[in-house]
C-alpha atoms as a PDB file:
ATOM      1  CA  MET A   1       0.000   0.000   0.000  1.00  0.00           C
ATOM      2  CA  CYS A   2       1.433   3.347  -1.032  1.00  0.00           C
ATOM      3  CA  ASN A   3       0.876   5.809   1.813  1.00  0.00           C
ATOM      4  CA  LEU A   4       3.762   8.171   1.100  1.00  0.00           C
ATOM      5  CA  TYR A   5       4.892   9.945  -2.049  1.00  0.00           C
ATOM      6  CA  SER A   6       6.555  13.169  -3.190  1.00  0.00           C
ATOM      7  CA  HIS A   7       5.911  15.915  -5.695  1.00  0.00           C
ATOM      8  CA  THR A   8       8.652  18.492  -6.158  1.00  0.00           C
ATOM      9  CA  ARG A   9       8.271  19.828  -9.712  1.00  0.00           C
ATOM     10  CA  ASN A  10       6.214  22.641 -11.193  1.00  0.00           C
ATOM     11  CA  VAL A  11       3.103  23.129 -13.318  1.00  0.00           C
ATOM     12  CA  GLU A  12       5.019  23.089 -16.588  1.00  0.00           C
ATOM     13  CA  ALA A  13       6.397  19.644 -15.771  1.00  0.00           C
ATOM     14  CA  MET A  14       2.785  18.420 -15.509  1.00  0.00           C
ATOM     15  CA  ARG A  15       1.807  20.026 -18.807  1.00  0.00           C
ATOM     16  CA  LYS A  16       4.323  17.828 -20.654  1.00  0.00           C
ATOM     17  CA  LEU A  17       1.963  14.914 -19.966  1.00  0.00           C
ATOM     18  CA  PHE A  18      -1.403  16.690 -19.697  1.00  0.00           C
ATOM     19  CA  ALA A  19      -1.411  20.122 -21.230  1.00  0.00           C
ATOM     20  CA  LYS A  20      -4.810  21.746 -20.771  1.00  0.00           C
ATOM     21  CA  PHE A  21      -5.971  22.588 -17.260  1.00  0.00           C
ATOM     22  CA  ASP A  22      -6.750  25.646 -15.184  1.00  0.00           C
ATOM     23  CA  VAL A  23      -4.611  26.447 -12.149  1.00  0.00           C
ATOM     24  CA  ALA A  24      -6.503  27.174  -8.927  1.00  0.00           C
ATOM     25  CA  ALA A  25      -3.768  26.352  -6.413  1.00  0.00           C
ATOM     26  CA  GLN A  26      -0.284  27.586  -5.631  1.00  0.00           C
ATOM     27  CA  LEU A  27       2.243  24.772  -5.662  1.00  0.00           C
ATOM     28  CA  VAL A  28       5.091  24.294  -3.234  1.00  0.00           C
ATOM     29  CA  PRO A  29       7.588  21.403  -3.256  1.00  0.00           C
ATOM     30  CA  GLN A  30       6.269  18.484  -1.194  1.00  0.00           C
ATOM     31  CA  PRO A  31       9.047  15.927  -0.648  1.00  0.00           C
ATOM     32  CA  GLY A  32       6.779  13.964   1.710  1.00  0.00           C
ATOM     33  CA  ILE A  33       3.005  13.714   1.125  1.00  0.00           C
ATOM     34  CA  PHE A  34       1.149  11.798   3.842  1.00  0.00           C
ATOM     35  CA  PRO A  35      -2.455  10.526   4.182  1.00  0.00           C
ATOM     36  CA  ASP A  36      -5.097  13.116   5.093  1.00  0.00           C
ATOM     37  CA  TYR A  37      -2.892  16.027   4.012  1.00  0.00           C
ATOM     38  CA  ALA A  38      -3.615  18.287   1.044  1.00  0.00           C
ATOM     39  CA  ALA A  39      -1.769  17.722  -2.226  1.00  0.00           C
ATOM     40  CA  PRO A  40      -2.244  18.804  -5.846  1.00  0.00           C
ATOM     41  CA  VAL A  41      -4.540  16.948  -8.218  1.00  0.00           C
ATOM     42  CA  ILE A  42      -5.773  17.817 -11.699  1.00  0.00           C
ATOM     43  CA  ARG A  43      -9.474  17.071 -11.431  1.00  0.00           C
ATOM     44  CA  ASN A  44     -12.401  16.948 -13.806  1.00  0.00           C
ATOM     45  CA  GLN A  45     -15.430  18.937 -12.695  1.00  0.00           C
ATOM     46  CA  ALA A  46     -18.984  18.629 -13.926  1.00  0.00           C
ATOM     47  CA  GLY A  47     -19.870  21.595 -16.125  1.00  0.00           C
ATOM     48  CA  ALA A  48     -16.324  23.012 -16.311  1.00  0.00           C
ATOM     49  CA  ASP A  49     -14.623  23.696 -19.640  1.00  0.00           C
ATOM     50  CA  LEU A  50     -11.229  22.455 -18.446  1.00  0.00           C
ATOM     51  CA  PRO A  51      -9.899  20.286 -15.617  1.00  0.00           C
ATOM     52  CA  GLU A  52      -8.560  22.212 -12.627  1.00  0.00           C
ATOM     53  CA  LEU A  53      -5.356  21.939 -10.628  1.00  0.00           C
ATOM     54  CA  ALA A  54      -6.418  22.142  -6.962  1.00  0.00           C
ATOM     55  CA  LEU A  55      -5.235  21.118  -3.506  1.00  0.00           C
ATOM     56  CA  VAL A  56      -7.312  18.233  -2.141  1.00  0.00           C
ATOM     57  CA  ARG A  57      -7.091  16.033   0.990  1.00  0.00           C
ATOM     58  CA  TRP A  58      -5.702  12.528   0.482  1.00  0.00           C
ATOM     59  CA  GLY A  59      -8.070   9.741   1.534  1.00  0.00           C
ATOM     60  CA  MET A  60     -11.420   8.900  -0.053  1.00  0.00           C
ATOM     61  CA  PRO A  61     -14.429   8.007   2.127  1.00  0.00           C
ATOM     62  CA  SER A  62     -14.155   4.543   3.650  1.00  0.00           C
ATOM     63  CA  SER A  63     -16.938   2.042   3.066  1.00  0.00           C
ATOM     64  CA  LYS A  64     -20.084   1.950   5.183  1.00  0.00           C
ATOM     65  CA  LYS A  65     -19.094  -1.527   6.359  1.00  0.00           C
ATOM     66  CA  ALA A  66     -15.685  -0.341   7.581  1.00  0.00           C
ATOM     67  CA  LEU A  67     -17.285   2.484   9.556  1.00  0.00           C
ATOM     68  CA  LEU A  68     -20.024   0.208  10.883  1.00  0.00           C
ATOM     69  CA  ASP A  69     -17.453  -2.321  12.090  1.00  0.00           C
ATOM     70  CA  ALA A  70     -15.386   0.413  13.766  1.00  0.00           C
ATOM     71  CA  ALA A  71     -18.419   1.947  15.475  1.00  0.00           C
ATOM     72  CA  THR A  72     -19.596  -1.473  16.632  1.00  0.00           C
ATOM     73  CA  LYS A  73     -16.236  -2.149  18.300  1.00  0.00           C
ATOM     74  CA  ARG A  74     -16.383   1.206  20.024  1.00  0.00           C
ATOM     75  CA  ALA A  75     -19.937   0.573  21.185  1.00  0.00           C
ATOM     76  CA  ASP A  76     -18.988  -2.841  22.577  1.00  0.00           C
ATOM     77  CA  LYS A  77     -16.167  -1.284  24.602  1.00  0.00           C
ATOM     78  CA  LEU A  78     -18.511   1.325  26.031  1.00  0.00           C
ATOM     79  CA  ARG A  79     -21.134  -1.275  26.922  1.00  0.00           C
ATOM     80  CA  ALA A  80     -18.457  -3.379  28.626  1.00  0.00           C
ATOM     81  CA  LYS A  81     -17.868  -0.376  30.898  1.00  0.00           C
ATOM     82  CA  ASN A  82     -21.624  -0.050  31.516  1.00  0.00           C
ATOM     83  CA  LYS A  83     -21.746   3.254  29.664  1.00  0.00           C
ATOM     84  CA  PRO A  84     -24.827   4.322  27.655  1.00  0.00           C
ATOM     85  CA  VAL A  85     -24.575   4.008  23.865  1.00  0.00           C
ATOM     86  CA  ASP A  86     -26.462   5.975  21.224  1.00  0.00           C
ATOM     87  CA  PHE A  87     -25.338   3.843  18.320  1.00  0.00           C
ATOM     88  CA  ASP A  88     -26.761   6.038  15.545  1.00  0.00           C
ATOM     89  CA  GLU A  89     -24.874   9.051  16.899  1.00  0.00           C
ATOM     90  CA  LEU A  90     -21.768   6.944  17.470  1.00  0.00           C
ATOM     91  CA  LEU A  91     -21.859   5.815  13.846  1.00  0.00           C
ATOM     92  CA  ARG A  92     -22.498   9.341  12.555  1.00  0.00           C
ATOM     93  CA  MET A  93     -19.448  10.639  14.408  1.00  0.00           C
ATOM     94  CA  GLU A  94     -17.149   7.660  13.733  1.00  0.00           C
ATOM     95  CA  PRO A  95     -13.742   9.064  12.655  1.00  0.00           C
ATOM     96  CA  ASP A  96     -12.724   8.196   9.098  1.00  0.00           C
ATOM     97  CA  SER A  97      -9.197   9.227   8.132  1.00  0.00           C
ATOM     98  CA  GLY A  98      -9.924   7.949   4.642  1.00  0.00           C
ATOM     99  CA  THR A  99      -8.930   5.246   2.168  1.00  0.00           C
ATOM    100  CA  THR A 100      -5.775   6.201   0.292  1.00  0.00           C
ATOM    101  CA  ASN A 101      -5.531   3.339  -2.228  1.00  0.00           C
ATOM    102  CA  VAL A 102      -8.387   1.926  -4.332  1.00  0.00           C
ATOM    103  CA  ARG A 103      -7.920  -1.625  -5.626  1.00  0.00           C
ATOM    104  CA  ASN A 104     -11.348  -3.264  -6.012  1.00  0.00           C
ATOM    105  CA  THR A 105     -13.032  -1.072  -8.623  1.00  0.00           C
ATOM    106  CA  SER A 106     -15.876  -3.589  -8.956  1.00  0.00           C
ATOM    107  CA  SER A 107     -16.982  -2.728  -5.399  1.00  0.00           C
ATOM    108  CA  SER A 108     -20.307  -0.903  -5.198  1.00  0.00           C
ATOM    109  CA  HIS A 109     -18.662   1.558  -2.811  1.00  0.00           C
ATOM    110  CA  TRP A 110     -16.310   2.861  -5.534  1.00  0.00           C
ATOM    111  CA  LYS A 111     -18.566   2.683  -8.588  1.00  0.00           C
ATOM    112  CA  ARG A 112     -20.138   6.095  -7.914  1.00  0.00           C
ATOM    113  CA  TRP A 113     -16.725   7.755  -8.401  1.00  0.00           C
ATOM    114  CA  LEU A 114     -15.479   5.928 -11.504  1.00  0.00           C
ATOM    115  CA  GLY A 115     -17.181   8.202 -14.029  1.00  0.00           C
ATOM    116  CA  VAL A 116     -15.261  10.859 -15.944  1.00  0.00           C
ATOM    117  CA  GLU A 117     -16.532  13.696 -13.721  1.00  0.00           C
ATOM    118  CA  SER A 118     -14.882  12.107 -10.643  1.00  0.00           C
ATOM    119  CA  ARG A 119     -11.502  11.272 -12.156  1.00  0.00           C
ATOM    120  CA  CYS A 120      -8.256  13.090 -11.474  1.00  0.00           C
ATOM    121  CA  LEU A 121      -4.538  12.943 -12.168  1.00  0.00           C
ATOM    122  CA  VAL A 122      -2.283  12.894  -9.105  1.00  0.00           C
ATOM    123  CA  PRO A 123       1.208  14.239  -9.929  1.00  0.00           C
ATOM    124  CA  PHE A 124       4.220  12.645  -8.263  1.00  0.00           C
ATOM    125  CA  THR A 125       7.973  12.530  -8.641  1.00  0.00           C
ATOM    126  CA  SER A 126       8.620   9.467  -6.432  1.00  0.00           C
ATOM    127  CA  PHE A 127       6.651   7.124  -4.193  1.00  0.00           C
ATOM    128  CA  SER A 128       7.485   4.910  -1.243  1.00  0.00           C
ATOM    129  CA  GLU A 129       6.634   1.342  -0.315  1.00  0.00           C
ATOM    130  CA  PHE A 130       7.546   0.286   3.226  1.00  0.00           C
ATOM    131  CA  ASN A 131       9.629  -2.806   3.884  1.00  0.00           C
ATOM    132  CA  ARG A 132      11.370  -2.979   7.256  1.00  0.00           C
ATOM    133  CA  ASP A 133      13.858  -5.646   6.185  1.00  0.00           C
ATOM    134  CA  ALA A 134      14.861  -3.669   3.075  1.00  0.00           C
ATOM    135  CA  GLY A 135      15.510  -0.472   5.024  1.00  0.00           C
ATOM    136  CA  GLY A 136      12.129   1.072   5.803  1.00  0.00           C
ATOM    137  CA  ASP A 137      10.656   3.445   3.226  1.00  0.00           C
ATOM    138  CA  ILE A 138      11.884   2.443  -0.231  1.00  0.00           C
ATOM    139  CA  TRP A 139      11.439   5.220  -2.808  1.00  0.00           C
ATOM    140  CA  PHE A 140      10.775   4.505  -6.488  1.00  0.00           C
ATOM    141  CA  ALA A 141      11.022   6.942  -9.419  1.00  0.00           C
ATOM    142  CA  PHE A 142      11.656   7.010 -13.161  1.00  0.00           C
ATOM    143  CA  GLY A 143      15.334   7.737 -12.604  1.00  0.00           C
ATOM    144  CA  GLU A 144      17.523   9.886 -10.383  1.00  0.00           C
ATOM    145  CA  ASP A 145      16.172  13.076 -11.983  1.00  0.00           C
ATOM    146  CA  ARG A 146      12.670  12.121 -10.791  1.00  0.00           C
ATOM    147  CA  PRO A 147      10.521  13.299 -13.717  1.00  0.00           C
ATOM    148  CA  THR A 148       6.826  13.968 -13.160  1.00  0.00           C
ATOM    149  CA  ALA A 149       4.299  11.201 -13.755  1.00  0.00           C
ATOM    150  CA  PHE A 150       0.697  10.753 -12.634  1.00  0.00           C
ATOM    151  CA  PHE A 151      -1.239   8.297 -10.523  1.00  0.00           C
ATOM    152  CA  ALA A 152      -4.700   7.489 -11.878  1.00  0.00           C
ATOM    153  CA  GLY A 153      -6.970   9.039  -9.244  1.00  0.00           C
ATOM    154  CA  ILE A 154     -10.584   9.600  -8.273  1.00  0.00           C
ATOM    155  CA  TRP A 155     -12.031  12.364  -6.116  1.00  0.00           C
ATOM    156  CA  ALA A 156     -15.168  13.229  -4.136  1.00  0.00           C
ATOM    157  CA  LYS A 157     -16.650  16.714  -3.837  1.00  0.00           C
ATOM    158  CA  ASP A 158     -17.920  18.239  -0.563  1.00  0.00           C
ATOM    159  CA  TRP A 159     -17.858  15.032   1.485  1.00  0.00           C
ATOM    160  CA  THR A 160     -19.053  15.483   5.069  1.00  0.00           C
ATOM    161  CA  SER A 161     -17.477  13.251   7.708  1.00  0.00           C
ATOM    162  CA  VAL A 162     -15.349  13.254  10.856  1.00  0.00           C
ATOM    163  CA  ARG A 163     -11.712  13.018   9.818  1.00  0.00           C
ATOM    164  CA  LYS A 164     -10.361  13.648  13.323  1.00  0.00           C
ATOM    165  CA  VAL A 165     -12.180  13.698  16.642  1.00  0.00           C
ATOM    166  CA  LYS A 166     -10.733  17.089  17.585  1.00  0.00           C
ATOM    167  CA  THR A 167     -12.078  18.794  14.440  1.00  0.00           C
ATOM    168  CA  GLY A 168     -15.492  17.089  14.314  1.00  0.00           C
ATOM    169  CA  LEU A 169     -17.622  17.111  11.177  1.00  0.00           C
ATOM    170  CA  GLU A 170     -15.946  18.633   8.122  1.00  0.00           C
ATOM    171  CA  THR A 171     -17.105  19.086   4.532  1.00  0.00           C
ATOM    172  CA  ILE A 172     -14.099  18.763   2.224  1.00  0.00           C
ATOM    173  CA  ASP A 173     -12.937  17.489  -1.158  1.00  0.00           C
ATOM    174  CA  LEU A 174     -11.071  14.167  -1.083  1.00  0.00           C
ATOM    175  CA  TYR A 175      -9.003  12.024  -3.449  1.00  0.00           C
ATOM    176  CA  ALA A 176      -7.262   8.669  -3.700  1.00  0.00           C
ATOM    177  CA  PHE A 177      -5.521   6.724  -6.451  1.00  0.00           C
ATOM    178  CA  LEU A 178      -5.926   3.272  -7.903  1.00  0.00           C
ATOM    179  CA  THR A 179      -3.590   0.350  -7.262  1.00  0.00           C
ATOM    180  CA  THR A 180      -2.894  -2.872  -9.122  1.00  0.00           C
ATOM    181  CA  ASP A 181      -0.525  -5.852  -9.105  1.00  0.00           C
ATOM    182  CA  PRO A 182       3.126  -4.823  -8.666  1.00  0.00           C
ATOM    183  CA  ASN A 183       5.757  -5.066 -11.370  1.00  0.00           C
ATOM    184  CA  ALA A 184       9.037  -6.839 -10.671  1.00  0.00           C
ATOM    185  CA  GLU A 185      10.962  -4.077  -8.905  1.00  0.00           C
ATOM    186  CA  VAL A 186       8.071  -2.903  -6.711  1.00  0.00           C
ATOM    187  CA  GLY A 187       6.979  -6.495  -6.038  1.00  0.00           C
ATOM    188  CA  ALA A 188      10.421  -7.304  -4.617  1.00  0.00           C
ATOM    189  CA  ILE A 189       9.718  -4.728  -1.889  1.00  0.00           C
ATOM    190  CA  HIS A 190       5.927  -4.801  -1.632  1.00  0.00           C
ATOM    191  CA  PRO A 191       4.393  -7.975  -3.147  1.00  0.00           C
ATOM    192  CA  LYS A 192       0.746  -6.940  -2.722  1.00  0.00           C
ATOM    193  CA  ALA A 193       0.305  -3.886  -4.945  1.00  0.00           C
ATOM    194  CA  MET A 194       1.644  -0.783  -6.674  1.00  0.00           C
ATOM    195  CA  PRO A 195      -0.057   2.467  -7.718  1.00  0.00           C
ATOM    196  CA  VAL A 196      -1.630   2.726 -11.160  1.00  0.00           C
ATOM    197  CA  ILE A 197       0.784   5.036 -13.000  1.00  0.00           C
ATOM    198  CA  LEU A 198       0.225   6.971 -16.227  1.00  0.00           C
ATOM    199  CA  THR A 199       3.349   7.913 -18.187  1.00  0.00           C
ATOM    200  CA  THR A 200       2.208   9.247 -21.589  1.00  0.00           C
ATOM    201  CA  PRO A 201      -0.110  12.046 -22.766  1.00  0.00           C
ATOM    202  CA  GLU A 202      -2.305   9.414 -24.403  1.00  0.00           C
ATOM    203  CA  GLU A 203      -2.776   7.493 -21.149  1.00  0.00           C
ATOM    204  CA  CYS A 204      -3.529  10.684 -19.205  1.00  0.00           C
ATOM    205  CA  GLU A 205      -6.067  11.810 -21.797  1.00  0.00           C
ATOM    206  CA  ALA A 206      -7.752   8.402 -21.780  1.00  0.00           C
ATOM    207  CA  TRP A 207      -8.014   8.383 -17.987  1.00  0.00           C
ATOM    208  CA  MET A 208      -9.593  11.826 -17.943  1.00  0.00           C
ATOM    209  CA  THR A 209     -11.981  11.394 -20.874  1.00  0.00           C
ATOM    210  CA  ALA A 210     -12.715   7.753 -21.724  1.00  0.00           C
ATOM    211  CA  PRO A 211     -15.748   5.781 -20.525  1.00  0.00           C
ATOM    212  CA  TRP A 212     -14.987   3.379 -17.684  1.00  0.00           C
ATOM    213  CA  GLU A 213     -15.158   0.338 -19.962  1.00  0.00           C
ATOM    214  CA  GLN A 214     -12.080   1.714 -21.733  1.00  0.00           C
ATOM    215  CA  ALA A 215     -10.361   3.525 -18.851  1.00  0.00           C
ATOM    216  CA  ARG A 216     -10.383   0.414 -16.639  1.00  0.00           C
ATOM    217  CA  GLY A 217      -7.707  -1.073 -18.915  1.00  0.00           C
ATOM    218  CA  LEU A 218      -5.257   1.432 -17.429  1.00  0.00           C
ATOM    219  CA  GLN A 219      -5.480  -0.328 -14.045  1.00  0.00           C
ATOM    220  CA  ARG A 220      -2.403  -2.454 -14.748  1.00  0.00           C
ATOM    221  CA  PRO A 221       1.202  -2.650 -13.520  1.00  0.00           C
ATOM    222  CA  LEU A 222       4.012  -0.844 -15.291  1.00  0.00           C
ATOM    223  CA  PRO A 223       6.336  -3.016 -17.385  1.00  0.00           C
ATOM    224  CA  ASP A 224       9.155  -4.588 -15.415  1.00  0.00           C
ATOM    225  CA  GLY A 225      12.225  -2.373 -15.320  1.00  0.00           C
ATOM    226  CA  SER A 226      10.322   0.913 -15.606  1.00  0.00           C
ATOM    227  CA  LEU A 227      11.223   2.166 -12.123  1.00  0.00           C
ATOM    228  CA  GLN A 228      14.325   2.303  -9.998  1.00  0.00           C
ATOM    229  CA  ILE A 229      15.008   2.726  -6.288  1.00  0.00           C
ATOM    230  CA  VAL A 230      16.224   6.279  -5.636  1.00  0.00           C
ATOM    231  CA  ALA A 231      16.241   6.451  -1.807  1.00  0.00           C
ATOM    232  CA  ARG A 232      15.900   4.269   1.288  1.00  0.00           C
ATOM    233  CA  GLY A 233      14.943   4.795   4.892  1.00  0.00           C
ATOM    234  CA  VAL A 234      13.755   8.417   4.722  1.00  0.00           C
ATOM    235  CA  LYS A 235      10.321   9.999   5.060  1.00  0.00           C
ATOM    236  CA  LYS A 236      10.974  12.682   2.460  1.00  0.00           C
ATOM    237  CA  ASP A 237      12.522  12.391  -0.988  1.00  0.00           C
ATOM    238  CA  GLY A 238      13.804  14.769  -3.645  1.00  0.00           C
ATOM    239  CA  GLU A 239      14.842  18.387  -3.894  1.00  0.00           C
ATOM    240  CA  ALA A 240      12.788  21.271  -5.263  1.00  0.00           C
ATOM    241  CA  ASP A 241      13.228  21.221  -9.014  1.00  0.00           C
ATOM    242  CA  ALA A 242      11.769  22.806 -12.101  1.00  0.00           C
END
């Protein structure tokens, strides 16, 4: 599961892969992007002439079952202490820090966000998979110069939930990206999955415009040998670069 990545390049680096989008956010280098923090995405929007570059929080809404299970565990603990339980309110206020990686696109939970209007491109320059025996966070990129590429993402508009207990209910925009089987170099570190990565203008255009029956073909691993390890054992990677 990829829960850490970096983006350190500028808007023009993105335009080499996906040229036409409006800019509604000021970019700063982010050598370490963590779950539930804001990061840039190029998102489609219903009724808009062009996609928009915006800052959005990482972590799509978790499934109703996941929240129900979590609230049930909390309710059981309270009952064990002979404390009163209003389960409906407990469920409504159950914290959900979000789901960062989306694998099962046949799930009914994700189907509502697979249409063109909910798709986005998530720019990155490197990403990490954790493996304690290999040195902790292992960073992958398309070479030491770390050129920009995109994860295939989805996003949700104005989602109301409790992200953290201390902040209570919030209404915010959220995103996540798809994962798939790993290729050889990622699989050697993390055998379960790798992000879905788009590397050409044609792939980016297809993800942002094609019907799901066609776009779903992009949920596949990169060819073996596409990536290389560029750092180990650090929580941030890469220098600010143009």
